[in-house]
Amino acid sequence: EYNLQQAIANKIKVGVYFFSTAVSTQEAVEEADWVADLIAPYQITYPVAYNCEGFQNADSRQNGLDTATRTTIADAFLKEIYQKGYTPMFYAAKNEMENNVLWDMTKLSSSYKVWVSQYPDSPYPQTARSSYTGTHAMWQYSNNATVPGITKPTDVNIAYFGYADVAAAKSQETPQTASASVEALMNFSSVNETVTVERCTIFGGSFRYF
């Protein structure tokens, strides 16, 4: 929400994408409803995209879903987003979509905008377009680009569409002002250690050990 608020305050048109962990159409609809409720107070001009990754990892709850089931779940999310008044978009890597290998792109591309992730050796503009052969409306051509005002490498994209006007918010509710998360860029590791504390004093909600 902090990013949404700051972008809109600086007159940047915004869209959003959601990282799904749904394993059923019911869960996908619940996710879409949660997203729609969260973004309703904001001017969402660009699409709302569905993103699903890591499902081939053994520890993923989506591991074992076949292509048809996975596609049906994505379709449920995107359809619900459309019914909430937003433009739905499907995001995935080229190697997952090409030849319908992990997604039924014949089905998804017939109803929704497609956003393909594919990083060529020489990024745009040296490489003029994605080598993905399917229909797509947006291309993520690098995850290691430099953007003024952002201190670390970032994703960059080309959209083959645009909007002259800014969309109105679906809700007139004024959201609570959000602040940047101090933990957003921190890397945490799980540990299994025994800690002996002789005295613990609480300062403003944080713990200081002696």
C-alpha atoms as a PDB file:
ATOM      1  CA  GLU A   1       0.000   0.000   0.000  1.00  0.00           C
ATOM      2  CA  TYR A   2       2.922   2.336   0.626  1.00  0.00           C
ATOM      3  CA  ASN A   3       4.088   1.842  -2.970  1.00  0.00           C
ATOM      4  CA  LEU A   4       0.571   2.427  -4.285  1.00  0.00           C
ATOM      5  CA  GLN A   5       0.152   5.603  -2.265  1.00  0.00           C
ATOM      6  CA  GLN A   6       3.551   7.011  -3.210  1.00  0.00           C
ATOM      7  CA  ALA A   7       3.155   6.204  -6.912  1.00  0.00           C
ATOM      8  CA  ILE A   8      -0.293   7.771  -7.123  1.00  0.00           C
ATOM      9  CA  ALA A   9       0.861  10.830  -5.165  1.00  0.00           C
ATOM     10  CA  ASN A  10       3.565  11.275  -7.790  1.00  0.00           C
ATOM     11  CA  LYS A  11       1.053  10.870 -10.653  1.00  0.00           C
ATOM     12  CA  ILE A  12       2.339   7.468 -11.765  1.00  0.00           C
ATOM     13  CA  LYS A  13      -0.305   5.174 -13.220  1.00  0.00           C
ATOM     14  CA  VAL A  14      -0.293   1.873 -11.395  1.00  0.00           C
ATOM     15  CA  GLY A  15      -1.311  -1.736 -11.775  1.00  0.00           C
ATOM     16  CA  VAL A  16      -0.752  -4.628  -9.403  1.00  0.00           C
ATOM     17  CA  TYR A  17       0.087  -8.303  -9.467  1.00  0.00           C
ATOM     18  CA  PHE A  18      -0.628 -10.997  -6.950  1.00  0.00           C
ATOM     19  CA  PHE A  19       1.534 -14.001  -6.094  1.00  0.00           C
ATOM     20  CA  SER A  20      -0.954 -16.860  -5.793  1.00  0.00           C
ATOM     21  CA  THR A  21      -0.667 -19.994  -3.681  1.00  0.00           C
ATOM     22  CA  ALA A  22      -4.171 -21.274  -4.435  1.00  0.00           C
ATOM     23  CA  VAL A  23      -4.723 -25.005  -4.949  1.00  0.00           C
ATOM     24  CA  SER A  24      -8.425 -24.790  -5.803  1.00  0.00           C
ATOM     25  CA  THR A  25     -10.763 -22.478  -7.674  1.00  0.00           C
ATOM     26  CA  GLN A  26     -12.405 -21.573  -4.360  1.00  0.00           C
ATOM     27  CA  GLU A  27      -9.091 -20.388  -2.955  1.00  0.00           C
ATOM     28  CA  ALA A  28      -8.354 -18.485  -6.188  1.00  0.00           C
ATOM     29  CA  VAL A  29     -11.659 -16.601  -5.920  1.00  0.00           C
ATOM     30  CA  GLU A  30     -10.928 -15.843  -2.251  1.00  0.00           C
ATOM     31  CA  GLU A  31      -7.513 -14.464  -3.253  1.00  0.00           C
ATOM     32  CA  ALA A  32      -9.054 -12.318  -5.988  1.00  0.00           C
ATOM     33  CA  ASP A  33     -11.676 -10.937  -3.603  1.00  0.00           C
ATOM     34  CA  TRP A  34      -8.952 -10.105  -1.062  1.00  0.00           C
ATOM     35  CA  VAL A  35      -6.926  -8.272  -3.727  1.00  0.00           C
ATOM     36  CA  ALA A  36      -9.978  -6.379  -4.985  1.00  0.00           C
ATOM     37  CA  ASP A  37     -10.893  -5.258  -1.458  1.00  0.00           C
ATOM     38  CA  LEU A  38      -7.332  -4.120  -0.764  1.00  0.00           C
ATOM     39  CA  ILE A  39      -6.964  -2.039  -3.925  1.00  0.00           C
ATOM     40  CA  ALA A  40     -10.527  -0.668  -4.089  1.00  0.00           C
ATOM     41  CA  PRO A  41      -9.581   2.760  -2.609  1.00  0.00           C
ATOM     42  CA  TYR A  42      -6.817   3.249  -5.187  1.00  0.00           C
ATOM     43  CA  GLN A  43      -6.747   4.403  -8.804  1.00  0.00           C
ATOM     44  CA  ILE A  44      -5.739   1.149 -10.488  1.00  0.00           C
ATOM     45  CA  THR A  45      -5.294   2.069 -14.145  1.00  0.00           C
ATOM     46  CA  TYR A  46      -3.154  -0.790 -15.416  1.00  0.00           C
ATOM     47  CA  PRO A  47      -4.159  -4.460 -15.124  1.00  0.00           C
ATOM     48  CA  VAL A  48      -4.332  -6.711 -12.090  1.00  0.00           C
ATOM     49  CA  ALA A  49      -2.044  -9.643 -12.875  1.00  0.00           C
ATOM     50  CA  TYR A  50      -2.005 -13.217 -11.626  1.00  0.00           C
ATOM     51  CA  ASN A  51       1.458 -14.612 -10.857  1.00  0.00           C
ATOM     52  CA  CYS A  52       2.161 -18.199  -9.796  1.00  0.00           C
ATOM     53  CA  GLU A  53       5.723 -19.461  -9.393  1.00  0.00           C
ATOM     54  CA  GLY A  54       7.670 -22.210  -7.661  1.00  0.00           C
ATOM     55  CA  PHE A  55       4.949 -24.818  -8.091  1.00  0.00           C
ATOM     56  CA  GLN A  56       7.489 -27.410  -9.213  1.00  0.00           C
ATOM     57  CA  ASN A  57       9.388 -27.166  -5.933  1.00  0.00           C
ATOM     58  CA  ALA A  58       8.852 -30.127  -3.632  1.00  0.00           C
ATOM     59  CA  ASP A  59       7.875 -27.898  -0.693  1.00  0.00           C
ATOM     60  CA  SER A  60       5.234 -25.952  -2.660  1.00  0.00           C
ATOM     61  CA  ARG A  61       1.624 -26.676  -1.740  1.00  0.00           C
ATOM     62  CA  GLN A  62       0.895 -26.406  -5.473  1.00  0.00           C
ATOM     63  CA  ASN A  63       3.357 -29.150  -6.349  1.00  0.00           C
ATOM     64  CA  GLY A  64       1.653 -31.979  -8.181  1.00  0.00           C
ATOM     65  CA  LEU A  65      -1.085 -29.920  -9.832  1.00  0.00           C
ATOM     66  CA  ASP A  66      -1.350 -30.734 -13.513  1.00  0.00           C
ATOM     67  CA  THR A  67      -1.446 -28.136 -16.279  1.00  0.00           C
ATOM     68  CA  ALA A  68      -5.221 -28.249 -16.675  1.00  0.00           C
ATOM     69  CA  THR A  69      -5.881 -27.806 -12.947  1.00  0.00           C
ATOM     70  CA  ARG A  70      -3.313 -25.049 -12.606  1.00  0.00           C
ATOM     71  CA  THR A  71      -4.823 -23.214 -15.563  1.00  0.00           C
ATOM     72  CA  THR A  72      -8.368 -23.568 -14.222  1.00  0.00           C
ATOM     73  CA  ILE A  73      -7.255 -22.043 -10.912  1.00  0.00           C
ATOM     74  CA  ALA A  74      -5.624 -19.102 -12.687  1.00  0.00           C
ATOM     75  CA  ASP A  75      -8.734 -18.622 -14.808  1.00  0.00           C
ATOM     76  CA  ALA A  76     -10.908 -18.485 -11.671  1.00  0.00           C
ATOM     77  CA  PHE A  77      -8.758 -15.720 -10.182  1.00  0.00           C
ATOM     78  CA  LEU A  78      -8.686 -13.691 -13.402  1.00  0.00           C
ATOM     79  CA  LYS A  79     -12.404 -14.073 -14.010  1.00  0.00           C
ATOM     80  CA  GLU A  80     -13.188 -12.852 -10.496  1.00  0.00           C
ATOM     81  CA  ILE A  81     -10.869  -9.857 -10.926  1.00  0.00           C
ATOM     82  CA  TYR A  82     -12.704  -9.002 -14.152  1.00  0.00           C
ATOM     83  CA  GLN A  83     -16.057  -9.217 -12.379  1.00  0.00           C
ATOM     84  CA  LYS A  84     -14.705  -6.799  -9.768  1.00  0.00           C
ATOM     85  CA  GLY A  85     -14.172  -4.235 -12.519  1.00  0.00           C
ATOM     86  CA  TYR A  86     -10.441  -4.569 -13.186  1.00  0.00           C
ATOM     87  CA  THR A  87      -8.502  -5.609 -16.282  1.00  0.00           C
ATOM     88  CA  PRO A  88      -7.066  -9.098 -15.636  1.00  0.00           C
ATOM     89  CA  MET A  89      -3.620 -10.166 -16.872  1.00  0.00           C
ATOM     90  CA  PHE A  90      -1.731 -13.460 -16.694  1.00  0.00           C
ATOM     91  CA  TYR A  91       2.019 -13.428 -15.932  1.00  0.00           C
ATOM     92  CA  ALA A  92       4.479 -16.299 -16.406  1.00  0.00           C
ATOM     93  CA  ALA A  93       7.910 -17.133 -17.772  1.00  0.00           C
ATOM     94  CA  LYS A  94       8.321 -17.904 -21.452  1.00  0.00           C
ATOM     95  CA  ASN A  95       9.527 -21.464 -20.847  1.00  0.00           C
ATOM     96  CA  GLU A  96       6.361 -22.207 -18.852  1.00  0.00           C
ATOM     97  CA  MET A  97       4.004 -20.878 -21.517  1.00  0.00           C
ATOM     98  CA  GLU A  98       5.657 -21.905 -24.797  1.00  0.00           C
ATOM     99  CA  ASN A  99       3.805 -24.802 -26.454  1.00  0.00           C
ATOM    100  CA  ASN A 100       1.406 -24.956 -23.481  1.00  0.00           C
ATOM    101  CA  VAL A 101       4.039 -26.864 -21.508  1.00  0.00           C
ATOM    102  CA  LEU A 102       2.953 -25.784 -17.997  1.00  0.00           C
ATOM    103  CA  TRP A 103      -0.034 -23.541 -18.717  1.00  0.00           C
ATOM    104  CA  ASP A 104      -2.863 -23.888 -21.227  1.00  0.00           C
ATOM    105  CA  MET A 105      -2.095 -20.646 -23.015  1.00  0.00           C
ATOM    106  CA  THR A 106      -4.638 -21.393 -25.734  1.00  0.00           C
ATOM    107  CA  LYS A 107      -7.290 -20.960 -23.055  1.00  0.00           C
ATOM    108  CA  LEU A 108      -5.736 -18.111 -21.079  1.00  0.00           C
ATOM    109  CA  SER A 109      -4.630 -15.933 -24.003  1.00  0.00           C
ATOM    110  CA  SER A 110      -8.089 -16.129 -25.572  1.00  0.00           C
ATOM    111  CA  SER A 111      -9.597 -14.279 -22.598  1.00  0.00           C
ATOM    112  CA  TYR A 112      -6.856 -12.275 -20.883  1.00  0.00           C
ATOM    113  CA  LYS A 113      -3.856 -10.075 -21.538  1.00  0.00           C
ATOM    114  CA  VAL A 114      -0.588 -11.995 -21.243  1.00  0.00           C
ATOM    115  CA  TRP A 115       2.622 -10.721 -19.637  1.00  0.00           C
ATOM    116  CA  VAL A 116       5.691 -12.773 -20.533  1.00  0.00           C
ATOM    117  CA  SER A 117       8.945 -12.883 -18.578  1.00  0.00           C
ATOM    118  CA  GLN A 118      11.951 -13.619 -20.791  1.00  0.00           C
ATOM    119  CA  TYR A 119      15.445 -12.216 -20.338  1.00  0.00           C
ATOM    120  CA  PRO A 120      17.581 -12.234 -23.520  1.00  0.00           C
ATOM    121  CA  ASP A 121      21.373 -12.047 -23.368  1.00  0.00           C
ATOM    122  CA  SER A 122      21.169  -8.535 -24.787  1.00  0.00           C
ATOM    123  CA  PRO A 123      18.217  -6.701 -23.232  1.00  0.00           C
ATOM    124  CA  TYR A 124      15.900  -4.245 -24.961  1.00  0.00           C
ATOM    125  CA  PRO A 125      16.507  -2.244 -27.124  1.00  0.00           C
ATOM    126  CA  GLN A 126      19.401  -4.403 -28.383  1.00  0.00           C
ATOM    127  CA  THR A 127      16.859  -7.219 -28.506  1.00  0.00           C
ATOM    128  CA  ALA A 128      13.776  -5.648 -30.006  1.00  0.00           C
ATOM    129  CA  ARG A 129      11.146  -8.156 -28.860  1.00  0.00           C
ATOM    130  CA  SER A 130      10.574 -11.315 -26.873  1.00  0.00           C
ATOM    131  CA  SER A 131      11.107 -14.617 -28.638  1.00  0.00           C
ATOM    132  CA  TYR A 132       7.903 -15.956 -27.091  1.00  0.00           C
ATOM    133  CA  THR A 133       5.717 -16.949 -30.024  1.00  0.00           C
ATOM    134  CA  GLY A 134       2.376 -16.611 -28.249  1.00  0.00           C
ATOM    135  CA  THR A 135       0.254 -13.493 -28.121  1.00  0.00           C
ATOM    136  CA  HIS A 136       1.381 -11.153 -25.345  1.00  0.00           C
ATOM    137  CA  ALA A 137       0.651  -7.578 -24.319  1.00  0.00           C
ATOM    138  CA  MET A 138       3.616  -7.001 -22.024  1.00  0.00           C
ATOM    139  CA  TRP A 139       7.234  -8.158 -21.884  1.00  0.00           C
ATOM    140  CA  GLN A 140       9.501  -8.255 -18.827  1.00  0.00           C
ATOM    141  CA  TYR A 141      12.906  -8.149 -20.476  1.00  0.00           C
ATOM    142  CA  SER A 142      15.258  -7.849 -17.482  1.00  0.00           C
ATOM    143  CA  ASN A 143      15.389  -8.301 -13.724  1.00  0.00           C
ATOM    144  CA  ASN A 144      18.722  -6.544 -13.401  1.00  0.00           C
ATOM    145  CA  ALA A 145      18.078  -3.054 -14.726  1.00  0.00           C
ATOM    146  CA  THR A 146      18.980   0.338 -13.303  1.00  0.00           C
ATOM    147  CA  VAL A 147      16.135   2.787 -12.732  1.00  0.00           C
ATOM    148  CA  PRO A 148      16.723   6.342 -11.434  1.00  0.00           C
ATOM    149  CA  GLY A 149      15.637   6.610  -7.812  1.00  0.00           C
ATOM    150  CA  ILE A 150      15.941   2.872  -7.110  1.00  0.00           C
ATOM    151  CA  THR A 151      19.207   1.849  -5.496  1.00  0.00           C
ATOM    152  CA  LYS A 152      19.138  -1.855  -6.396  1.00  0.00           C
ATOM    153  CA  PRO A 153      18.646  -3.769  -9.672  1.00  0.00           C
ATOM    154  CA  THR A 154      15.000  -4.003 -10.668  1.00  0.00           C
ATOM    155  CA  ASP A 155      12.620  -5.589 -13.145  1.00  0.00           C
ATOM    156  CA  VAL A 156      11.773  -3.593 -16.260  1.00  0.00           C
ATOM    157  CA  ASN A 157       9.018  -4.142 -18.782  1.00  0.00           C
ATOM    158  CA  ILE A 158       7.533  -2.958 -22.046  1.00  0.00           C
ATOM    159  CA  ALA A 159       3.747  -2.698 -22.334  1.00  0.00           C
ATOM    160  CA  TYR A 160       2.308  -2.751 -25.834  1.00  0.00           C
ATOM    161  CA  PHE A 161      -0.724  -0.835 -24.641  1.00  0.00           C
ATOM    162  CA  GLY A 162      -1.412   2.266 -22.592  1.00  0.00           C
ATOM    163  CA  TYR A 163      -4.094   4.435 -21.061  1.00  0.00           C
ATOM    164  CA  ALA A 164      -4.670   8.122 -21.687  1.00  0.00           C
ATOM    165  CA  ASP A 165      -6.732   8.615 -18.546  1.00  0.00           C
ATOM    166  CA  VAL A 166      -6.395   7.539 -14.931  1.00  0.00           C
ATOM    167  CA  ALA A 167      -8.984   5.071 -13.678  1.00  0.00           C
ATOM    168  CA  ALA A 168     -11.234   6.036 -10.811  1.00  0.00           C
ATOM    169  CA  ALA A 169     -11.038   4.161  -7.511  1.00  0.00           C
ATOM    170  CA  LYS A 170     -13.785   1.581  -6.970  1.00  0.00           C
ATOM    171  CA  SER A 171     -14.283   2.764  -3.397  1.00  0.00           C
ATOM    172  CA  GLN A 172     -14.486   6.259  -1.953  1.00  0.00           C
ATOM    173  CA  GLU A 173     -12.964   5.057   1.299  1.00  0.00           C
ATOM    174  CA  THR A 174      -9.772   6.897   2.242  1.00  0.00           C
ATOM    175  CA  PRO A 175      -7.099   4.324   3.119  1.00  0.00           C
ATOM    176  CA  GLN A 176      -4.949   4.744   6.183  1.00  0.00           C
ATOM    177  CA  THR A 177      -1.582   6.255   5.329  1.00  0.00           C
ATOM    178  CA  ALA A 178       0.934   3.456   4.910  1.00  0.00           C
ATOM    179  CA  SER A 179       4.628   3.599   5.741  1.00  0.00           C
ATOM    180  CA  ALA A 180       7.546   1.768   4.195  1.00  0.00           C
ATOM    181  CA  SER A 181       8.351  -1.576   5.782  1.00  0.00           C
ATOM    182  CA  VAL A 182      11.759  -1.548   7.445  1.00  0.00           C
ATOM    183  CA  GLU A 183      11.957  -5.333   6.894  1.00  0.00           C
ATOM    184  CA  ALA A 184      11.067  -5.287   3.178  1.00  0.00           C
ATOM    185  CA  LEU A 185      14.628  -5.691   1.883  1.00  0.00           C
ATOM    186  CA  MET A 186      16.099  -7.648   4.783  1.00  0.00           C
ATOM    187  CA  ASN A 187      17.154 -11.254   4.366  1.00  0.00           C
ATOM    188  CA  PHE A 188      16.162 -13.524   7.245  1.00  0.00           C
ATOM    189  CA  SER A 189      17.336 -17.048   7.980  1.00  0.00           C
ATOM    190  CA  SER A 190      15.711 -19.674  10.191  1.00  0.00           C
ATOM    191  CA  VAL A 191      17.904 -20.767  13.073  1.00  0.00           C
ATOM    192  CA  ASN A 192      17.610 -23.349  15.804  1.00  0.00           C
ATOM    193  CA  GLU A 193      19.643 -21.979  18.679  1.00  0.00           C
ATOM    194  CA  THR A 194      19.399 -21.842  22.447  1.00  0.00           C
ATOM    195  CA  VAL A 195      19.668 -18.345  23.922  1.00  0.00           C
ATOM    196  CA  THR A 196      20.245 -17.699  27.632  1.00  0.00           C
ATOM    197  CA  VAL A 197      18.856 -14.389  28.870  1.00  0.00           C
ATOM    198  CA  GLU A 198      19.916 -13.037  32.232  1.00  0.00           C
ATOM    199  CA  ARG A 199      17.897  -9.842  32.059  1.00  0.00           C
ATOM    200  CA  CYS A 200      15.488  -8.594  29.432  1.00  0.00           C
ATOM    201  CA  THR A 201      14.250  -5.004  29.265  1.00  0.00           C
ATOM    202  CA  ILE A 202      11.590  -3.869  26.797  1.00  0.00           C
ATOM    203  CA  PHE A 203      12.151  -0.546  25.023  1.00  0.00           C
ATOM    204  CA  GLY A 204       9.299   0.703  22.842  1.00  0.00           C
ATOM    205  CA  GLY A 205       8.200  -2.746  21.762  1.00  0.00           C
ATOM    206  CA  SER A 206      11.669  -4.125  20.935  1.00  0.00           C
ATOM    207  CA  PHE A 207      13.757  -6.419  23.104  1.00  0.00           C
ATOM    208  CA  ARG A 208      17.232  -5.659  24.365  1.00  0.00           C
ATOM    209  CA  TYR A 209      19.200  -8.520  25.897  1.00  0.00           C
ATOM    210  CA  PHE A 210      21.991  -8.289  28.499  1.00  0.00           C
END
